[in-house]
C-alpha atoms as a PDB file:
ATOM      1  CA  MET A   1      17.664   1.399   8.948  1.00  0.00           C
ATOM      2  CA  ILE A   2      18.933  -1.919  10.246  1.00  0.00           C
ATOM      3  CA  ARG A   3      15.327  -3.140  10.376  1.00  0.00           C
ATOM      4  CA  LEU A   4      14.869  -2.313   6.692  1.00  0.00           C
ATOM      5  CA  ALA A   5      18.080  -4.111   5.694  1.00  0.00           C
ATOM      6  CA  GLU A   6      17.127  -7.169   7.748  1.00  0.00           C
ATOM      7  CA  GLN A   7      13.655  -7.215   6.267  1.00  0.00           C
ATOM      8  CA  PHE A   8      14.964  -6.888   2.716  1.00  0.00           C
ATOM      9  CA  SER A   9      17.435  -9.726   3.371  1.00  0.00           C
ATOM     10  CA  ARG A  10      14.581 -11.946   4.525  1.00  0.00           C
ATOM     11  CA  PHE A  11      12.532 -10.887   1.493  1.00  0.00           C
ATOM     12  CA  PHE A  12      15.439 -11.823  -0.779  1.00  0.00           C
ATOM     13  CA  ILE A  13      15.817 -15.247   0.863  1.00  0.00           C
ATOM     14  CA  VAL A  14      12.088 -15.897   0.499  1.00  0.00           C
ATOM     15  CA  GLY A  15      12.329 -14.729  -3.104  1.00  0.00           C
ATOM     16  CA  CYS A  16      15.019 -17.315  -3.792  1.00  0.00           C
ATOM     17  CA  GLY A  17      12.696 -19.992  -2.444  1.00  0.00           C
ATOM     18  CA  SER A  18       9.755 -18.859  -4.527  1.00  0.00           C
ATOM     19  CA  ALA A  19      12.042 -18.548  -7.571  1.00  0.00           C
ATOM     20  CA  VAL A  20      12.614 -22.304  -7.423  1.00  0.00           C
ATOM     21  CA  GLY A  21       8.906 -22.849  -8.068  1.00  0.00           C
ATOM     22  CA  HIS A  22       8.659 -19.968 -10.548  1.00  0.00           C
ATOM     23  CA  TYR A  23      11.694 -20.932 -12.643  1.00  0.00           C
ATOM     24  CA  GLY A  24      10.943 -24.643 -12.356  1.00  0.00           C
ATOM     25  CA  LEU A  25       7.469 -24.202 -13.823  1.00  0.00           C
ATOM     26  CA  LEU A  26       8.768 -21.753 -16.438  1.00  0.00           C
ATOM     27  CA  ILE A  27      11.406 -24.229 -17.650  1.00  0.00           C
ATOM     28  CA  LEU A  28       8.915 -27.113 -17.611  1.00  0.00           C
ATOM     29  CA  LEU A  29       6.383 -25.180 -19.675  1.00  0.00           C
ATOM     30  CA  VAL A  30       8.941 -23.864 -22.181  1.00  0.00           C
ATOM     31  CA  SER A  31      11.201 -26.916 -22.538  1.00  0.00           C
ATOM     32  CA  GLY A  32       8.704 -29.656 -21.780  1.00  0.00           C
ATOM     33  CA  PHE A  33       5.577 -28.351 -23.456  1.00  0.00           C
ATOM     34  CA  GLY A  34       6.847 -25.765 -25.958  1.00  0.00           C
ATOM     35  CA  VAL A  35       4.885 -22.871 -24.450  1.00  0.00           C
ATOM     36  CA  ASP A  36       6.124 -19.409 -25.417  1.00  0.00           C
ATOM     37  CA  ALA A  37       8.362 -18.118 -22.614  1.00  0.00           C
ATOM     38  CA  VAL A  38       6.510 -14.825 -22.189  1.00  0.00           C
ATOM     39  CA  LEU A  39       3.190 -16.655 -21.813  1.00  0.00           C
ATOM     40  CA  ALA A  40       4.747 -19.358 -19.621  1.00  0.00           C
ATOM     41  CA  SER A  41       6.063 -16.684 -17.278  1.00  0.00           C
ATOM     42  CA  ILE A  42       2.478 -15.833 -16.270  1.00  0.00           C
ATOM     43  CA  PRO A  43       1.508 -19.100 -14.498  1.00  0.00           C
ATOM     44  CA  ALA A  44       5.089 -19.373 -13.252  1.00  0.00           C
ATOM     45  CA  SER A  45       4.727 -15.922 -11.676  1.00  0.00           C
ATOM     46  CA  VAL A  46       1.434 -16.938 -10.074  1.00  0.00           C
ATOM     47  CA  LEU A  47       3.096 -19.991  -8.498  1.00  0.00           C
ATOM     48  CA  GLY A  48       6.025 -17.874  -7.323  1.00  0.00           C
ATOM     49  CA  ALA A  49       3.646 -15.308  -5.829  1.00  0.00           C
ATOM     50  CA  ALA A  50       1.716 -17.973  -3.906  1.00  0.00           C
ATOM     51  CA  ILE A  51       4.910 -19.364  -2.409  1.00  0.00           C
ATOM     52  CA  ASN A  52       6.086 -15.822  -1.742  1.00  0.00           C
ATOM     53  CA  TYR A  53       2.946 -14.898   0.189  1.00  0.00           C
ATOM     54  CA  LEU A  54       3.073 -17.932   2.441  1.00  0.00           C
ATOM     55  CA  LEU A  55       6.709 -17.356   3.347  1.00  0.00           C
ATOM     56  CA  ASN A  56       6.602 -13.550   3.584  1.00  0.00           C
ATOM     57  CA  TYR A  57       3.518 -13.471   5.782  1.00  0.00           C
ATOM     58  CA  ARG A  58       5.368 -14.889   8.793  1.00  0.00           C
ATOM     59  CA  PHE A  59       9.079 -14.945   7.998  1.00  0.00           C
ATOM     60  CA  THR A  60       9.748 -11.574   6.364  1.00  0.00           C
ATOM     61  CA  PHE A  61       7.051  -9.284   7.692  1.00  0.00           C
ATOM     62  CA  LYS A  62       5.985 -11.302  10.759  1.00  0.00           C
ATOM     63  CA  SER A  63       2.436 -10.217  10.071  1.00  0.00           C
ATOM     64  CA  GLU A  64      -0.364 -10.489  12.559  1.00  0.00           C
ATOM     65  CA  LYS A  65      -2.967  -9.269  10.062  1.00  0.00           C
ATOM     66  CA  LEU A  66      -5.830 -11.533   9.177  1.00  0.00           C
ATOM     67  CA  HIS A  67      -5.180 -13.487   5.996  1.00  0.00           C
ATOM     68  CA  ARG A  68      -8.301 -12.055   4.358  1.00  0.00           C
ATOM     69  CA  GLU A  69      -6.799  -8.556   4.581  1.00  0.00           C
ATOM     70  CA  ALA A  70      -3.166  -9.434   3.906  1.00  0.00           C
ATOM     71  CA  ALA A  71      -3.900 -11.905   1.098  1.00  0.00           C
ATOM     72  CA  LEU A  72      -6.148  -9.450  -0.714  1.00  0.00           C
ATOM     73  CA  LYS A  73      -3.561  -6.666  -0.578  1.00  0.00           C
ATOM     74  CA  PHE A  74      -0.764  -9.082  -1.481  1.00  0.00           C
ATOM     75  CA  SER A  75      -2.805 -10.258  -4.468  1.00  0.00           C
ATOM     76  CA  VAL A  76      -3.124  -6.684  -5.757  1.00  0.00           C
ATOM     77  CA  ILE A  77       0.639  -6.157  -5.480  1.00  0.00           C
ATOM     78  CA  ALA A  78       1.287  -9.581  -7.061  1.00  0.00           C
ATOM     79  CA  PHE A  79      -1.172  -8.969  -9.926  1.00  0.00           C
ATOM     80  CA  ILE A  80       0.558  -5.703 -10.801  1.00  0.00           C
ATOM     81  CA  GLY A  81       3.922  -7.444 -10.420  1.00  0.00           C
ATOM     82  CA  ILE A  82       2.832 -10.187 -12.825  1.00  0.00           C
ATOM     83  CA  GLY A  83       1.929  -7.477 -15.335  1.00  0.00           C
ATOM     84  CA  PHE A  84       5.370  -5.905 -14.892  1.00  0.00           C
ATOM     85  CA  ASN A  85       7.013  -9.317 -15.200  1.00  0.00           C
ATOM     86  CA  THR A  86       5.167 -10.098 -18.420  1.00  0.00           C
ATOM     87  CA  PHE A  87       6.062  -6.697 -19.879  1.00  0.00           C
ATOM     88  CA  PHE A  88       9.759  -7.001 -18.947  1.00  0.00           C
ATOM     89  CA  MET A  89       9.866 -10.569 -20.299  1.00  0.00           C
ATOM     90  CA  TRP A  90       8.370  -9.380 -23.588  1.00  0.00           C
ATOM     91  CA  VAL A  91      10.808  -6.469 -23.883  1.00  0.00           C
ATOM     92  CA  CYS A  92      13.882  -8.506 -22.953  1.00  0.00           C
ATOM     93  CA  LYS A  93      13.032 -11.684 -24.885  1.00  0.00           C
ATOM     94  CA  ASP A  94      11.010 -10.566 -27.877  1.00  0.00           C
ATOM     95  CA  LEU A  95      12.301  -7.042 -28.494  1.00  0.00           C
ATOM     96  CA  LEU A  96      15.904  -7.320 -27.295  1.00  0.00           C
ATOM     97  CA  GLY A  97      16.385 -11.001 -28.169  1.00  0.00           C
ATOM     98  CA  PHE A  98      17.687 -12.254 -24.810  1.00  0.00           C
ATOM     99  CA  HIS A  99      17.427 -15.935 -23.904  1.00  0.00           C
ATOM    100  CA  TYR A 100      14.235 -16.437 -21.918  1.00  0.00           C
ATOM    101  CA  LEU A 101      16.059 -17.306 -18.695  1.00  0.00           C
ATOM    102  CA  ILE A 102      18.196 -14.163 -18.917  1.00  0.00           C
ATOM    103  CA  ALA A 103      15.031 -12.170 -19.640  1.00  0.00           C
ATOM    104  CA  GLN A 104      13.377 -13.755 -16.593  1.00  0.00           C
ATOM    105  CA  LEU A 105      16.360 -12.932 -14.373  1.00  0.00           C
ATOM    106  CA  ILE A 106      16.136  -9.274 -15.403  1.00  0.00           C
ATOM    107  CA  ALA A 107      12.364  -9.231 -14.924  1.00  0.00           C
ATOM    108  CA  THR A 108      12.697 -10.911 -11.537  1.00  0.00           C
ATOM    109  CA  GLY A 109      15.165  -8.294 -10.316  1.00  0.00           C
ATOM    110  CA  LEU A 110      12.970  -5.415 -11.417  1.00  0.00           C
ATOM    111  CA  VAL A 111       9.751  -6.900 -10.047  1.00  0.00           C
ATOM    112  CA  MET A 112      11.455  -7.760  -6.753  1.00  0.00           C
ATOM    113  CA  VAL A 113      11.863  -4.056  -5.989  1.00  0.00           C
ATOM    114  CA  TRP A 114       8.159  -3.435  -6.683  1.00  0.00           C
ATOM    115  CA  GLY A 115       7.096  -6.404  -4.554  1.00  0.00           C
ATOM    116  CA  PHE A 116       9.218  -5.457  -1.583  1.00  0.00           C
ATOM    117  CA  LEU A 117       8.129  -1.831  -1.522  1.00  0.00           C
ATOM    118  CA  GLY A 118       4.455  -2.602  -2.132  1.00  0.00           C
ATOM    119  CA  ASN A 119       4.317  -5.283   0.518  1.00  0.00           C
ATOM    120  CA  ARG A 120       6.388  -3.437   3.097  1.00  0.00           C
ATOM    121  CA  PHE A 121       4.522  -0.155   2.851  1.00  0.00           C
ATOM    122  CA  TRP A 122       1.011  -1.396   2.072  1.00  0.00           C
ATOM    123  CA  THR A 123       0.264  -5.111   2.423  1.00  0.00           C
ATOM    124  CA  PHE A 124       2.049  -5.745   5.711  1.00  0.00           C
ATOM    125  CA  ARG A 125       2.299  -2.161   6.962  1.00  0.00           C
ATOM    126  CA  VAL A 126       1.743  -1.805  10.665  1.00  0.00           C
ATOM    127  CA  ALA A 127      -0.208   1.359  11.427  1.00  0.00           C
END
């Protein structure tokens, strides 16, 4: 169980790093260019996922898989996660009326669980 806790801690740290890119692009698109926050969260999520993959590959999961295998699986998990993120952003911002950054914080927390489990047990799983 200690291994799981350590791995999740590393995943969280990596997530904070990728959130800088994600939230930075989100704020730029919304505040700088007037893009709707739900739509802006999509390219922001893609940037966050790219950063996340690069850091998780070695730091969190210490993978020795070939990038062609790991990146493909990671992309599937990330694509589904981006769908979840967009849905949660829409619910929190448009239906519940939260500020877009609060909505993104909620979405990030929910998607983080999906990303960790999907990547731990599928993308970077050691047989």
